[in-house]
Amino acid sequence: MTLPSGNKLFVGPIYHSHTTDINSMNEIKKNLEKAASFENQTVGIGGDFNLPDIAWKYLSSAQVKDNGKYTEIHKDFIDHITDRGLVQLVNQPTRGNTLELFLTNISSTIYRTEVWLRISDHNIV
């Protein structure tokens, strides 16, 4: 969308139903690639990515658990978002671990994220 200021903004939701669904993950990656390819556009994409084996504690250096069940899928996802200049900003658990993510290409202008107590089976970001 184009804002009244003329700045362009891409906002999108994600729901990845299960961490082993490769087809769904490939679609997500394709959409992230498309969103990140637009020049001079702010990107904000959030939702339930269901990637439980990624430790997002340090936003700039996410780590995949070595003993995780889905190590390759998770490493591939981190490489994919990093290669497209996207940064993940949520660093607190939303349901046992950090499943809800917020990806952006303007992390320097977002000062913080908060995780609120849940009203469903997941916390709110």
PDB file of N, CA and C in Angstrom:
ATOM      1  N   MET A   1       0.838  -1.155   0.000  1.00  0.00           N
ATOM      2  CA  MET A   1       0.000   0.000   0.000  1.00  0.00           C
ATOM      3  C   MET A   1       0.889   1.227   0.000  1.00  0.00           C
ATOM      4  N   THR A   2       0.344   2.328  -0.502  1.00  0.00           N
ATOM      5  CA  THR A   2       1.060   3.594  -0.477  1.00  0.00           C
ATOM      6  C   THR A   2       0.399   4.499   0.550  1.00  0.00           C
ATOM      7  N   LEU A   3       1.191   4.986   1.481  1.00  0.00           N
ATOM      8  CA  LEU A   3       0.694   5.862   2.537  1.00  0.00           C
ATOM      9  C   LEU A   3       0.540   7.281   2.011  1.00  0.00           C
ATOM     10  N   PRO A   4      -0.253   8.125   2.689  1.00  0.00           N
ATOM     11  CA  PRO A   4      -0.420   9.506   2.240  1.00  0.00           C
ATOM     12  C   PRO A   4       0.913  10.240   2.070  1.00  0.00           C
ATOM     13  N   SER A   5       1.924   9.848   2.824  1.00  0.00           N
ATOM     14  CA  SER A   5       3.246  10.474   2.715  1.00  0.00           C
ATOM     15  C   SER A   5       3.976  10.063   1.441  1.00  0.00           C
ATOM     16  N   GLY A   6       3.449   9.051   0.753  1.00  0.00           N
ATOM     17  CA  GLY A   6       4.101   8.534  -0.438  1.00  0.00           C
ATOM     18  C   GLY A   6       4.966   7.314  -0.156  1.00  0.00           C
ATOM     19  N   ASN A   7       5.229   7.046   1.106  1.00  0.00           N
ATOM     20  CA  ASN A   7       6.005   5.862   1.474  1.00  0.00           C
ATOM     21  C   ASN A   7       5.197   4.599   1.198  1.00  0.00           C
ATOM     22  N   LYS A   8       5.894   3.558   0.805  1.00  0.00           N
ATOM     23  CA  LYS A   8       5.227   2.291   0.515  1.00  0.00           C
ATOM     24  C   LYS A   8       5.395   1.336   1.686  1.00  0.00           C
ATOM     25  N   LEU A   9       4.321   0.599   1.970  1.00  0.00           N
ATOM     26  CA  LEU A   9       4.293  -0.306   3.107  1.00  0.00           C
ATOM     27  C   LEU A   9       3.682  -1.631   2.681  1.00  0.00           C
ATOM     28  N   PHE A  10       4.375  -2.712   3.004  1.00  0.00           N
ATOM     29  CA  PHE A  10       3.851  -4.054   2.773  1.00  0.00           C
ATOM     30  C   PHE A  10       3.660  -4.703   4.131  1.00  0.00           C
ATOM     31  N   VAL A  11       2.425  -5.060   4.459  1.00  0.00           N
ATOM     32  CA  VAL A  11       2.107  -5.725   5.721  1.00  0.00           C
ATOM     33  C   VAL A  11       1.416  -7.036   5.382  1.00  0.00           C
ATOM     34  N   GLY A  12       1.855  -8.109   6.020  1.00  0.00           N
ATOM     35  CA  GLY A  12       1.237  -9.388   5.720  1.00  0.00           C
ATOM     36  C   GLY A  12       1.217 -10.325   6.909  1.00  0.00           C
ATOM     37  N   PRO A  13       0.187 -11.185   6.965  1.00  0.00           N
ATOM     38  CA  PRO A  13       0.097 -12.198   8.018  1.00  0.00           C
ATOM     39  C   PRO A  13       0.615 -13.549   7.523  1.00  0.00           C
ATOM     40  N   ILE A  14       1.081 -14.369   8.449  1.00  0.00           N
ATOM     41  CA  ILE A  14       1.546 -15.721   8.129  1.00  0.00           C
ATOM     42  C   ILE A  14       0.944 -16.692   9.135  1.00  0.00           C
ATOM     43  N   TYR A  15       0.506 -17.833   8.635  1.00  0.00           N
ATOM     44  CA  TYR A  15       0.181 -18.946   9.518  1.00  0.00           C
ATOM     45  C   TYR A  15       0.753 -20.205   8.889  1.00  0.00           C
ATOM     46  N   HIS A  16       1.729 -20.792   9.548  1.00  0.00           N
ATOM     47  CA  HIS A  16       2.347 -22.033   9.099  1.00  0.00           C
ATOM     48  C   HIS A  16       1.853 -23.122  10.039  1.00  0.00           C
ATOM     49  N   SER A  17       0.977 -23.965   9.549  1.00  0.00           N
ATOM     50  CA  SER A  17       0.233 -24.882  10.415  1.00  0.00           C
ATOM     51  C   SER A  17       1.086 -25.920  11.131  1.00  0.00           C
ATOM     52  N   HIS A  18       2.123 -26.395  10.506  1.00  0.00           N
ATOM     53  CA  HIS A  18       2.945 -27.415  11.165  1.00  0.00           C
ATOM     54  C   HIS A  18       4.365 -27.322  10.647  1.00  0.00           C
ATOM     55  N   THR A  19       5.296 -27.476  11.532  1.00  0.00           N
ATOM     56  CA  THR A  19       6.702 -27.281  11.193  1.00  0.00           C
ATOM     57  C   THR A  19       7.227 -28.263  10.152  1.00  0.00           C
ATOM     58  N   THR A  20       6.578 -29.403   9.962  1.00  0.00           N
ATOM     59  CA  THR A  20       7.054 -30.382   8.983  1.00  0.00           C
ATOM     60  C   THR A  20       6.444 -30.193   7.601  1.00  0.00           C
ATOM     61  N   ASP A  21       5.554 -29.240   7.425  1.00  0.00           N
ATOM     62  CA  ASP A  21       4.885 -29.027   6.146  1.00  0.00           C
ATOM     63  C   ASP A  21       5.810 -28.255   5.201  1.00  0.00           C
ATOM     64  N   ILE A  22       6.576 -28.987   4.407  1.00  0.00           N
ATOM     65  CA  ILE A  22       7.560 -28.386   3.504  1.00  0.00           C
ATOM     66  C   ILE A  22       6.889 -27.526   2.441  1.00  0.00           C
ATOM     67  N   ASN A  23       5.761 -27.978   1.877  1.00  0.00           N
ATOM     68  CA  ASN A  23       5.079 -27.201   0.838  1.00  0.00           C
ATOM     69  C   ASN A  23       4.640 -25.846   1.362  1.00  0.00           C
ATOM     70  N   SER A  24       4.085 -25.835   2.559  1.00  0.00           N
ATOM     71  CA  SER A  24       3.663 -24.581   3.175  1.00  0.00           C
ATOM     72  C   SER A  24       4.863 -23.672   3.420  1.00  0.00           C
ATOM     73  N   MET A  25       5.956 -24.222   3.909  1.00  0.00           N
ATOM     74  CA  MET A  25       7.157 -23.422   4.157  1.00  0.00           C
ATOM     75  C   MET A  25       7.717 -22.861   2.858  1.00  0.00           C
ATOM     76  N   ASN A  26       7.677 -23.637   1.783  1.00  0.00           N
ATOM     77  CA  ASN A  26       8.144 -23.128   0.492  1.00  0.00           C
ATOM     78  C   ASN A  26       7.281 -21.965   0.009  1.00  0.00           C
ATOM     79  N   GLU A  27       5.974 -22.041   0.228  1.00  0.00           N
ATOM     80  CA  GLU A  27       5.080 -20.929  -0.128  1.00  0.00           C
ATOM     81  C   GLU A  27       5.391 -19.686   0.705  1.00  0.00           C
ATOM     82  N   ILE A  28       5.634 -19.891   1.993  1.00  0.00           N
ATOM     83  CA  ILE A  28       5.990 -18.767   2.864  1.00  0.00           C
ATOM     84  C   ILE A  28       7.279 -18.120   2.369  1.00  0.00           C
ATOM     85  N   LYS A  29       8.278 -18.928   2.067  1.00  0.00           N
ATOM     86  CA  LYS A  29       9.557 -18.387   1.597  1.00  0.00           C
ATOM     87  C   LYS A  29       9.389 -17.638   0.279  1.00  0.00           C
ATOM     88  N   LYS A  30       8.548 -18.164  -0.610  1.00  0.00           N
ATOM     89  CA  LYS A  30       8.299 -17.489  -1.880  1.00  0.00           C
ATOM     90  C   LYS A  30       7.648 -16.124  -1.650  1.00  0.00           C
ATOM     91  N   ASN A  31       6.693 -16.060  -0.727  1.00  0.00           N
ATOM     92  CA  ASN A  31       6.027 -14.794  -0.427  1.00  0.00           C
ATOM     93  C   ASN A  31       6.962 -13.810   0.275  1.00  0.00           C
ATOM     94  N   LEU A  32       7.820 -14.297   1.168  1.00  0.00           N
ATOM     95  CA  LEU A  32       8.801 -13.424   1.812  1.00  0.00           C
ATOM     96  C   LEU A  32       9.769 -12.854   0.782  1.00  0.00           C
ATOM     97  N   GLU A  33      10.167 -13.687  -0.162  1.00  0.00           N
ATOM     98  CA  GLU A  33      11.070 -13.232  -1.220  1.00  0.00           C
ATOM     99  C   GLU A  33      10.418 -12.133  -2.052  1.00  0.00           C
ATOM    100  N   LYS A  34       9.160 -12.332  -2.390  1.00  0.00           N
ATOM    101  CA  LYS A  34       8.442 -11.322  -3.173  1.00  0.00           C
ATOM    102  C   LYS A  34       8.316 -10.017  -2.392  1.00  0.00           C
ATOM    103  N   ALA A  35       7.940 -10.105  -1.120  1.00  0.00           N
ATOM    104  CA  ALA A  35       7.775  -8.903  -0.296  1.00  0.00           C
ATOM    105  C   ALA A  35       9.089  -8.145  -0.158  1.00  0.00           C
ATOM    106  N   ALA A  36      10.174  -8.867   0.021  1.00  0.00           N
ATOM    107  CA  ALA A  36      11.474  -8.224   0.224  1.00  0.00           C
ATOM    108  C   ALA A  36      12.078  -7.691  -1.070  1.00  0.00           C
ATOM    109  N   SER A  37      11.523  -8.079  -2.208  1.00  0.00           N
ATOM    110  CA  SER A  37      12.102  -7.671  -3.494  1.00  0.00           C
ATOM    111  C   SER A  37      11.689  -6.268  -3.931  1.00  0.00           C
ATOM    112  N   PHE A  38      10.628  -5.717  -3.350  1.00  0.00           N
ATOM    113  CA  PHE A  38      10.189  -4.382  -3.736  1.00  0.00           C
ATOM    114  C   PHE A  38      11.150  -3.344  -3.169  1.00  0.00           C
ATOM    115  N   GLU A  39      11.675  -2.495  -4.029  1.00  0.00           N
ATOM    116  CA  GLU A  39      12.613  -1.475  -3.576  1.00  0.00           C
ATOM    117  C   GLU A  39      11.880  -0.345  -2.872  1.00  0.00           C
ATOM    118  N   ASN A  40      12.558   0.269  -1.927  1.00  0.00           N
ATOM    119  CA  ASN A  40      12.026   1.435  -1.209  1.00  0.00           C
ATOM    120  C   ASN A  40      10.669   1.168  -0.575  1.00  0.00           C
ATOM    121  N   GLN A  41      10.508   0.009  -0.012  1.00  0.00           N
ATOM    122  CA  GLN A  41       9.249  -0.346   0.633  1.00  0.00           C
ATOM    123  C   GLN A  41       9.528  -0.928   2.013  1.00  0.00           C
ATOM    124  N   THR A  42       8.775  -0.470   2.989  1.00  0.00           N
ATOM    125  CA  THR A  42       8.870  -1.018   4.331  1.00  0.00           C
ATOM    126  C   THR A  42       8.077  -2.317   4.388  1.00  0.00           C
ATOM    127  N   VAL A  43       8.692  -3.350   4.942  1.00  0.00           N
ATOM    128  CA  VAL A  43       8.060  -4.666   5.034  1.00  0.00           C
ATOM    129  C   VAL A  43       7.826  -5.008   6.505  1.00  0.00           C
ATOM    130  N   GLY A  44       6.619  -5.469   6.816  1.00  0.00           N
ATOM    131  CA  GLY A  44       6.283  -5.974   8.141  1.00  0.00           C
ATOM    132  C   GLY A  44       5.415  -7.209   7.990  1.00  0.00           C
ATOM    133  N   ILE A  45       5.937  -8.357   8.377  1.00  0.00           N
ATOM    134  CA  ILE A  45       5.214  -9.622   8.233  1.00  0.00           C
ATOM    135  C   ILE A  45       5.222 -10.320   9.588  1.00  0.00           C
ATOM    136  N   GLY A  46       4.052 -10.685  10.065  1.00  0.00           N
ATOM    137  CA  GLY A  46       3.977 -11.322  11.370  1.00  0.00           C
ATOM    138  C   GLY A  46       3.020 -12.485  11.375  1.00  0.00           C
ATOM    139  N   GLY A  47       3.204 -13.364  12.341  1.00  0.00           N
ATOM    140  CA  GLY A  47       2.274 -14.470  12.486  1.00  0.00           C
ATOM    141  C   GLY A  47       2.903 -15.664  13.164  1.00  0.00           C
ATOM    142  N   ASP A  48       2.190 -16.766  13.099  1.00  0.00           N
ATOM    143  CA  ASP A  48       2.596 -18.024  13.715  1.00  0.00           C
ATOM    144  C   ASP A  48       3.366 -18.834  12.679  1.00  0.00           C
ATOM    145  N   PHE A  49       4.674 -18.871  12.821  1.00  0.00           N
ATOM    146  CA  PHE A  49       5.523 -19.569  11.865  1.00  0.00           C
ATOM    147  C   PHE A  49       5.778 -21.022  12.270  1.00  0.00           C
ATOM    148  N   ASN A  50       5.458 -21.393  13.513  1.00  0.00           N
ATOM    149  CA  ASN A  50       5.652 -22.765  14.001  1.00  0.00           C
ATOM    150  C   ASN A  50       7.050 -23.304  13.707  1.00  0.00           C
ATOM    151  N   LEU A  51       8.056 -22.598  14.188  1.00  0.00           N
ATOM    152  CA  LEU A  51       9.448 -23.019  14.041  1.00  0.00           C
ATOM    153  C   LEU A  51      10.062 -23.168  15.434  1.00  0.00           C
ATOM    154  N   PRO A  52       9.687 -24.232  16.155  1.00  0.00           N
ATOM    155  CA  PRO A  52      10.042 -24.345  17.569  1.00  0.00           C
ATOM    156  C   PRO A  52      11.514 -24.611  17.857  1.00  0.00           C
ATOM    157  N   ASP A  53      12.286 -25.022  16.867  1.00  0.00           N
ATOM    158  CA  ASP A  53      13.688 -25.353  17.119  1.00  0.00           C
ATOM    159  C   ASP A  53      14.642 -24.180  16.907  1.00  0.00           C
ATOM    160  N   ILE A  54      14.097 -22.980  16.706  1.00  0.00           N
ATOM    161  CA  ILE A  54      14.944 -21.794  16.575  1.00  0.00           C
ATOM    162  C   ILE A  54      14.890 -21.017  17.882  1.00  0.00           C
ATOM    163  N   ALA A  55      16.059 -20.708  18.419  1.00  0.00           N
ATOM    164  CA  ALA A  55      16.162 -19.872  19.621  1.00  0.00           C
ATOM    165  C   ALA A  55      16.390 -18.432  19.162  1.00  0.00           C
ATOM    166  N   TRP A  56      15.385 -17.593  19.349  1.00  0.00           N
ATOM    167  CA  TRP A  56      15.436 -16.203  18.875  1.00  0.00           C
ATOM    168  C   TRP A  56      15.887 -15.238  19.964  1.00  0.00           C
ATOM    169  N   LYS A  57      16.510 -15.726  21.007  1.00  0.00           N
ATOM    170  CA  LYS A  57      16.881 -14.850  22.123  1.00  0.00           C
ATOM    171  C   LYS A  57      17.735 -13.673  21.659  1.00  0.00           C
ATOM    172  N   TYR A  58      18.710 -13.933  20.836  1.00  0.00           N
ATOM    173  CA  TYR A  58      19.546 -12.872  20.286  1.00  0.00           C
ATOM    174  C   TYR A  58      19.079 -12.598  18.870  1.00  0.00           C
ATOM    175  N   LEU A  59      18.478 -11.454  18.680  1.00  0.00           N
ATOM    176  CA  LEU A  59      17.782 -11.171  17.437  1.00  0.00           C
ATOM    177  C   LEU A  59      18.685 -11.221  16.219  1.00  0.00           C
ATOM    178  N   SER A  60      19.929 -10.830  16.375  1.00  0.00           N
ATOM    179  CA  SER A  60      20.815 -10.792  15.216  1.00  0.00           C
ATOM    180  C   SER A  60      21.490 -12.132  14.939  1.00  0.00           C
ATOM    181  N   SER A  61      21.394 -13.059  15.862  1.00  0.00           N
ATOM    182  CA  SER A  61      22.079 -14.341  15.662  1.00  0.00           C
ATOM    183  C   SER A  61      21.221 -15.500  16.166  1.00  0.00           C
ATOM    184  N   ALA A  62      20.142 -15.741  15.487  1.00  0.00           N
ATOM    185  CA  ALA A  62      19.255 -16.843  15.868  1.00  0.00           C
ATOM    186  C   ALA A  62      20.007 -18.162  15.759  1.00  0.00           C
ATOM    187  N   GLN A  63      19.748 -19.032  16.690  1.00  0.00           N
ATOM    188  CA  GLN A  63      20.415 -20.329  16.724  1.00  0.00           C
ATOM    189  C   GLN A  63      19.393 -21.448  16.574  1.00  0.00           C
ATOM    190  N   VAL A  64      19.737 -22.434  15.758  1.00  0.00           N
ATOM    191  CA  VAL A  64      18.898 -23.622  15.624  1.00  0.00           C
ATOM    192  C   VAL A  64      19.416 -24.658  16.609  1.00  0.00           C
ATOM    193  N   LYS A  65      18.497 -25.232  17.355  1.00  0.00           N
ATOM    194  CA  LYS A  65      18.873 -26.256  18.332  1.00  0.00           C
ATOM    195  C   LYS A  65      19.493 -27.447  17.608  1.00  0.00           C
ATOM    196  N   ASP A  66      20.672 -27.852  18.028  1.00  0.00           N
ATOM    197  CA  ASP A  66      21.377 -28.959  17.373  1.00  0.00           C
ATOM    198  C   ASP A  66      20.626 -30.272  17.454  1.00  0.00           C
ATOM    199  N   ASN A  67      19.928 -30.491  18.537  1.00  0.00           N
ATOM    200  CA  ASN A  67      19.228 -31.760  18.719  1.00  0.00           C
ATOM    201  C   ASN A  67      17.762 -31.675  18.320  1.00  0.00           C
ATOM    202  N   GLY A  68      17.397 -30.645  17.577  1.00  0.00           N
ATOM    203  CA  GLY A  68      16.007 -30.471  17.171  1.00  0.00           C
ATOM    204  C   GLY A  68      15.588 -31.458  16.095  1.00  0.00           C
ATOM    205  N   LYS A  69      14.284 -31.652  15.985  1.00  0.00           N
ATOM    206  CA  LYS A  69      13.736 -32.586  14.999  1.00  0.00           C
ATOM    207  C   LYS A  69      13.734 -32.003  13.589  1.00  0.00           C
ATOM    208  N   TYR A  70      13.761 -30.675  13.482  1.00  0.00           N
ATOM    209  CA  TYR A  70      13.566 -30.026  12.184  1.00  0.00           C
ATOM    210  C   TYR A  70      14.730 -29.097  11.845  1.00  0.00           C
ATOM    211  N   THR A  71      15.931 -29.489  12.216  1.00  0.00           N
ATOM    212  CA  THR A  71      17.105 -28.633  12.110  1.00  0.00           C
ATOM    213  C   THR A  71      17.294 -28.055  10.709  1.00  0.00           C
ATOM    214  N   GLU A  72      17.220 -28.866   9.678  1.00  0.00           N
ATOM    215  CA  GLU A  72      17.488 -28.386   8.314  1.00  0.00           C
ATOM    216  C   GLU A  72      16.446 -27.374   7.849  1.00  0.00           C
ATOM    217  N   ILE A  73      15.172 -27.636   8.127  1.00  0.00           N
ATOM    218  CA  ILE A  73      14.104 -26.706   7.749  1.00  0.00           C
ATOM    219  C   ILE A  73      14.324 -25.363   8.430  1.00  0.00           C
ATOM    220  N   HIS A  74      14.685 -25.406   9.696  1.00  0.00           N
ATOM    221  CA  HIS A  74      14.855 -24.184  10.472  1.00  0.00           C
ATOM    222  C   HIS A  74      16.086 -23.397  10.028  1.00  0.00           C
ATOM    223  N   LYS A  75      17.196 -24.080   9.768  1.00  0.00           N
ATOM    224  CA  LYS A  75      18.400 -23.399   9.274  1.00  0.00           C
ATOM    225  C   LYS A  75      18.124 -22.747   7.925  1.00  0.00           C
ATOM    226  N   ASP A  76      17.417 -23.448   7.077  1.00  0.00           N
ATOM    227  CA  ASP A  76      17.073 -22.912   5.760  1.00  0.00           C
ATOM    228  C   ASP A  76      16.224 -21.647   5.892  1.00  0.00           C
ATOM    229  N   PHE A  77      15.296 -21.636   6.835  1.00  0.00           N
ATOM    230  CA  PHE A  77      14.453 -20.459   7.044  1.00  0.00           C
ATOM    231  C   PHE A  77      15.291 -19.263   7.489  1.00  0.00           C
ATOM    232  N   ILE A  78      16.191 -19.470   8.442  1.00  0.00           N
ATOM    233  CA  ILE A  78      17.052 -18.376   8.906  1.00  0.00           C
ATOM    234  C   ILE A  78      17.889 -17.835   7.747  1.00  0.00           C
ATOM    235  N   ASP A  79      18.482 -18.721   6.959  1.00  0.00           N
ATOM    236  CA  ASP A  79      19.268 -18.278   5.804  1.00  0.00           C
ATOM    237  C   ASP A  79      18.406 -17.481   4.837  1.00  0.00           C
ATOM    238  N   HIS A  80      17.190 -17.944   4.624  1.00  0.00           N
ATOM    239  CA  HIS A  80      16.284 -17.298   3.672  1.00  0.00           C
ATOM    240  C   HIS A  80      15.954 -15.867   4.094  1.00  0.00           C
ATOM    241  N   ILE A  81      15.584 -15.670   5.350  1.00  0.00           N
ATOM    242  CA  ILE A  81      15.220 -14.307   5.770  1.00  0.00           C
ATOM    243  C   ILE A  81      16.454 -13.407   5.833  1.00  0.00           C
ATOM    244  N   THR A  82      17.582 -13.958   6.250  1.00  0.00           N
ATOM    245  CA  THR A  82      18.816 -13.168   6.319  1.00  0.00           C
ATOM    246  C   THR A  82      19.244 -12.712   4.932  1.00  0.00           C
ATOM    247  N   ASP A  83      19.176 -13.600   3.951  1.00  0.00           N
ATOM    248  CA  ASP A  83      19.559 -13.266   2.579  1.00  0.00           C
ATOM    249  C   ASP A  83      18.678 -12.180   1.974  1.00  0.00           C
ATOM    250  N   ARG A  84      17.483 -12.000   2.506  1.00  0.00           N
ATOM    251  CA  ARG A  84      16.556 -10.998   1.981  1.00  0.00           C
ATOM    252  C   ARG A  84      16.519  -9.728   2.823  1.00  0.00           C
ATOM    253  N   GLY A  85      17.424  -9.617   3.769  1.00  0.00           N
ATOM    254  CA  GLY A  85      17.521  -8.408   4.576  1.00  0.00           C
ATOM    255  C   GLY A  85      16.425  -8.255   5.610  1.00  0.00           C
ATOM    256  N   LEU A  86      15.791  -9.364   5.983  1.00  0.00           N
ATOM    257  CA  LEU A  86      14.732  -9.313   6.985  1.00  0.00           C
ATOM    258  C   LEU A  86      15.288  -9.684   8.354  1.00  0.00           C
ATOM    259  N   VAL A  87      14.744  -9.054   9.381  1.00  0.00           N
ATOM    260  CA  VAL A  87      15.157  -9.297  10.759  1.00  0.00           C
ATOM    261  C   VAL A  87      13.928  -9.697  11.558  1.00  0.00           C
ATOM    262  N   GLN A  88      14.088 -10.651  12.465  1.00  0.00           N
ATOM    263  CA  GLN A  88      13.007 -11.117  13.330  1.00  0.00           C
ATOM    264  C   GLN A  88      13.126 -10.395  14.665  1.00  0.00           C
ATOM    265  N   LEU A  89      12.019  -9.802  15.153  1.00  0.00           N
ATOM    266  CA  LEU A  89      12.080  -8.924  16.318  1.00  0.00           C
ATOM    267  C   LEU A  89      11.540  -9.492  17.626  1.00  0.00           C
ATOM    268  N   VAL A  90      10.801 -10.574  17.605  1.00  0.00           N
ATOM    269  CA  VAL A  90      10.212 -11.106  18.840  1.00  0.00           C
ATOM    270  C   VAL A  90      11.258 -11.971  19.544  1.00  0.00           C
ATOM    271  N   ASN A  91      11.538 -11.658  20.813  1.00  0.00           N
ATOM    272  CA  ASN A  91      12.570 -12.419  21.519  1.00  0.00           C
ATOM    273  C   ASN A  91      12.079 -13.018  22.832  1.00  0.00           C
ATOM    274  N   GLN A  92      10.757 -13.154  22.963  1.00  0.00           N
ATOM    275  CA  GLN A  92      10.168 -13.774  24.150  1.00  0.00           C
ATOM    276  C   GLN A  92       9.253 -14.913  23.713  1.00  0.00           C
ATOM    277  N   PRO A  93       9.090 -15.918  24.548  1.00  0.00           N
ATOM    278  CA  PRO A  93       8.204 -17.029  24.197  1.00  0.00           C
ATOM    279  C   PRO A  93       6.755 -16.575  24.028  1.00  0.00           C
ATOM    280  N   THR A  94       6.097 -17.150  23.052  1.00  0.00           N
ATOM    281  CA  THR A  94       4.679 -16.867  22.832  1.00  0.00           C
ATOM    282  C   THR A  94       3.815 -18.098  23.094  1.00  0.00           C
ATOM    283  N   ARG A  95       4.444 -19.238  23.181  1.00  0.00           N
ATOM    284  CA  ARG A  95       3.761 -20.482  23.565  1.00  0.00           C
ATOM    285  C   ARG A  95       4.820 -21.550  23.827  1.00  0.00           C
ATOM    286  N   GLY A  96       5.444 -21.486  24.964  1.00  0.00           N
ATOM    287  CA  GLY A  96       6.507 -22.431  25.275  1.00  0.00           C
ATOM    288  C   GLY A  96       7.837 -22.037  24.658  1.00  0.00           C
ATOM    289  N   ASN A  97       7.795 -21.545  23.451  1.00  0.00           N
ATOM    290  CA  ASN A  97       8.961 -20.960  22.794  1.00  0.00           C
ATOM    291  C   ASN A  97       8.456 -19.866  21.856  1.00  0.00           C
ATOM    292  N   THR A  98       9.310 -19.315  21.044  1.00  0.00           N
ATOM    293  CA  THR A  98       8.903 -18.192  20.194  1.00  0.00           C
ATOM    294  C   THR A  98       8.380 -18.721  18.862  1.00  0.00           C
ATOM    295  N   LEU A  99       7.054 -18.864  18.768  1.00  0.00           N
ATOM    296  CA  LEU A  99       6.419 -19.332  17.537  1.00  0.00           C
ATOM    297  C   LEU A  99       5.926 -18.165  16.692  1.00  0.00           C
ATOM    298  N   GLU A 100       5.436 -17.121  17.360  1.00  0.00           N
ATOM    299  CA  GLU A 100       4.967 -15.933  16.652  1.00  0.00           C
ATOM    300  C   GLU A 100       6.181 -15.059  16.364  1.00  0.00           C
ATOM    301  N   LEU A 101       6.319 -14.668  15.122  1.00  0.00           N
ATOM    302  CA  LEU A 101       7.460 -13.867  14.699  1.00  0.00           C
ATOM    303  C   LEU A 101       6.972 -12.575  14.061  1.00  0.00           C
ATOM    304  N   PHE A 102       7.834 -11.568  14.050  1.00  0.00           N
ATOM    305  CA  PHE A 102       7.584 -10.348  13.284  1.00  0.00           C
ATOM    306  C   PHE A 102       8.852 -10.051  12.505  1.00  0.00           C
ATOM    307  N   LEU A 103       8.742 -10.117  11.182  1.00  0.00           N
ATOM    308  CA  LEU A 103       9.872  -9.885  10.290  1.00  0.00           C
ATOM    309  C   LEU A 103       9.749  -8.503   9.668  1.00  0.00           C
ATOM    310  N   THR A 104      10.867  -7.802   9.584  1.00  0.00           N
ATOM    311  CA  THR A 104      10.854  -6.473   8.982  1.00  0.00           C
ATOM    312  C   THR A 104      12.204  -6.179   8.340  1.00  0.00           C
ATOM    313  N   ASN A 105      12.199  -5.190   7.469  1.00  0.00           N
ATOM    314  CA  ASN A 105      13.446  -4.724   6.876  1.00  0.00           C
ATOM    315  C   ASN A 105      13.859  -3.374   7.458  1.00  0.00           C
ATOM    316  N   ILE A 106      13.165  -2.913   8.507  1.00  0.00           N
ATOM    317  CA  ILE A 106      13.484  -1.618   9.133  1.00  0.00           C
ATOM    318  C   ILE A 106      13.633  -1.766  10.645  1.00  0.00           C
ATOM    319  N   SER A 107      14.399  -2.707  11.079  1.00  0.00           N
ATOM    320  CA  SER A 107      14.501  -2.979  12.513  1.00  0.00           C
ATOM    321  C   SER A 107      15.039  -1.799  13.305  1.00  0.00           C
ATOM    322  N   SER A 108      15.776  -0.911  12.678  1.00  0.00           N
ATOM    323  CA  SER A 108      16.352   0.216  13.414  1.00  0.00           C
ATOM    324  C   SER A 108      15.303   1.229  13.853  1.00  0.00           C
ATOM    325  N   THR A 109      14.129   1.215  13.257  1.00  0.00           N
ATOM    326  CA  THR A 109      13.086   2.171  13.653  1.00  0.00           C
ATOM    327  C   THR A 109      12.044   1.561  14.581  1.00  0.00           C
ATOM    328  N   ILE A 110      12.155   0.279  14.862  1.00  0.00           N
ATOM    329  CA  ILE A 110      11.244  -0.369  15.806  1.00  0.00           C
ATOM    330  C   ILE A 110      12.015  -0.562  17.104  1.00  0.00           C
ATOM    331  N   TYR A 111      11.558   0.103  18.140  1.00  0.00           N
ATOM    332  CA  TYR A 111      12.315   0.147  19.382  1.00  0.00           C
ATOM    333  C   TYR A 111      12.112  -1.068  20.275  1.00  0.00           C
ATOM    334  N   ARG A 112      10.953  -1.683  20.224  1.00  0.00           N
ATOM    335  CA  ARG A 112      10.724  -2.847  21.080  1.00  0.00           C
ATOM    336  C   ARG A 112       9.480  -3.596  20.616  1.00  0.00           C
ATOM    337  N   THR A 113       9.418  -4.830  21.025  1.00  0.00           N
ATOM    338  CA  THR A 113       8.200  -5.619  20.873  1.00  0.00           C
ATOM    339  C   THR A 113       7.824  -6.097  22.266  1.00  0.00           C
ATOM    340  N   GLU A 114       6.550  -6.364  22.458  1.00  0.00           N
ATOM    341  CA  GLU A 114       6.064  -6.867  23.743  1.00  0.00           C
ATOM    342  C   GLU A 114       5.232  -8.114  23.511  1.00  0.00           C
ATOM    343  N   VAL A 115       5.310  -9.021  24.449  1.00  0.00           N
ATOM    344  CA  VAL A 115       4.468 -10.212  24.430  1.00  0.00           C
ATOM    345  C   VAL A 115       3.512 -10.086  25.597  1.00  0.00           C
ATOM    346  N   TRP A 116       2.223 -10.077  25.289  1.00  0.00           N
ATOM    347  CA  TRP A 116       1.185  -9.929  26.308  1.00  0.00           C
ATOM    348  C   TRP A 116       0.649 -11.290  26.704  1.00  0.00           C
ATOM    349  N   LEU A 117       0.049 -11.333  27.882  1.00  0.00           N
ATOM    350  CA  LEU A 117      -0.560 -12.578  28.339  1.00  0.00           C
ATOM    351  C   LEU A 117      -1.579 -13.068  27.331  1.00  0.00           C
ATOM    352  N   ARG A 118      -1.680 -14.352  27.267  1.00  0.00           N
ATOM    353  CA  ARG A 118      -2.517 -14.962  26.233  1.00  0.00           C
ATOM    354  C   ARG A 118      -4.014 -14.803  26.502  1.00  0.00           C
ATOM    355  N   ILE A 119      -4.738 -14.709  25.405  1.00  0.00           N
ATOM    356  CA  ILE A 119      -6.193 -14.785  25.456  1.00  0.00           C
ATOM    357  C   ILE A 119      -6.661 -16.023  24.699  1.00  0.00           C
ATOM    358  N   SER A 120      -5.699 -16.740  24.128  1.00  0.00           N
ATOM    359  CA  SER A 120      -5.986 -18.014  23.470  1.00  0.00           C
ATOM    360  C   SER A 120      -4.854 -18.958  23.866  1.00  0.00           C
ATOM    361  N   ASP A 121      -4.509 -19.911  23.017  1.00  0.00           N
ATOM    362  CA  ASP A 121      -3.427 -20.827  23.364  1.00  0.00           C
ATOM    363  C   ASP A 121      -2.042 -20.248  23.057  1.00  0.00           C
ATOM    364  N   HIS A 122      -1.992 -19.031  22.521  1.00  0.00           N
ATOM    365  CA  HIS A 122      -0.731 -18.330  22.255  1.00  0.00           C
ATOM    366  C   HIS A 122      -0.796 -16.946  22.887  1.00  0.00           C
ATOM    367  N   ASN A 123       0.370 -16.412  23.248  1.00  0.00           N
ATOM    368  CA  ASN A 123       0.428 -15.035  23.721  1.00  0.00           C
ATOM    369  C   ASN A 123       0.340 -14.077  22.539  1.00  0.00           C
ATOM    370  N   ILE A 124       0.028 -12.830  22.836  1.00  0.00           N
ATOM    371  CA  ILE A 124      -0.116 -11.791  21.816  1.00  0.00           C
ATOM    372  C   ILE A 124       1.195 -11.027  21.702  1.00  0.00           C
ATOM    373  N   VAL A 125       1.604 -10.716  20.475  1.00  0.00           N
ATOM    374  CA  VAL A 125       2.795  -9.889  20.262  1.00  0.00           C
ATOM    375  C   VAL A 125       2.331  -8.485  19.949  1.00  0.00           C
TER     376      VAL A 125
END
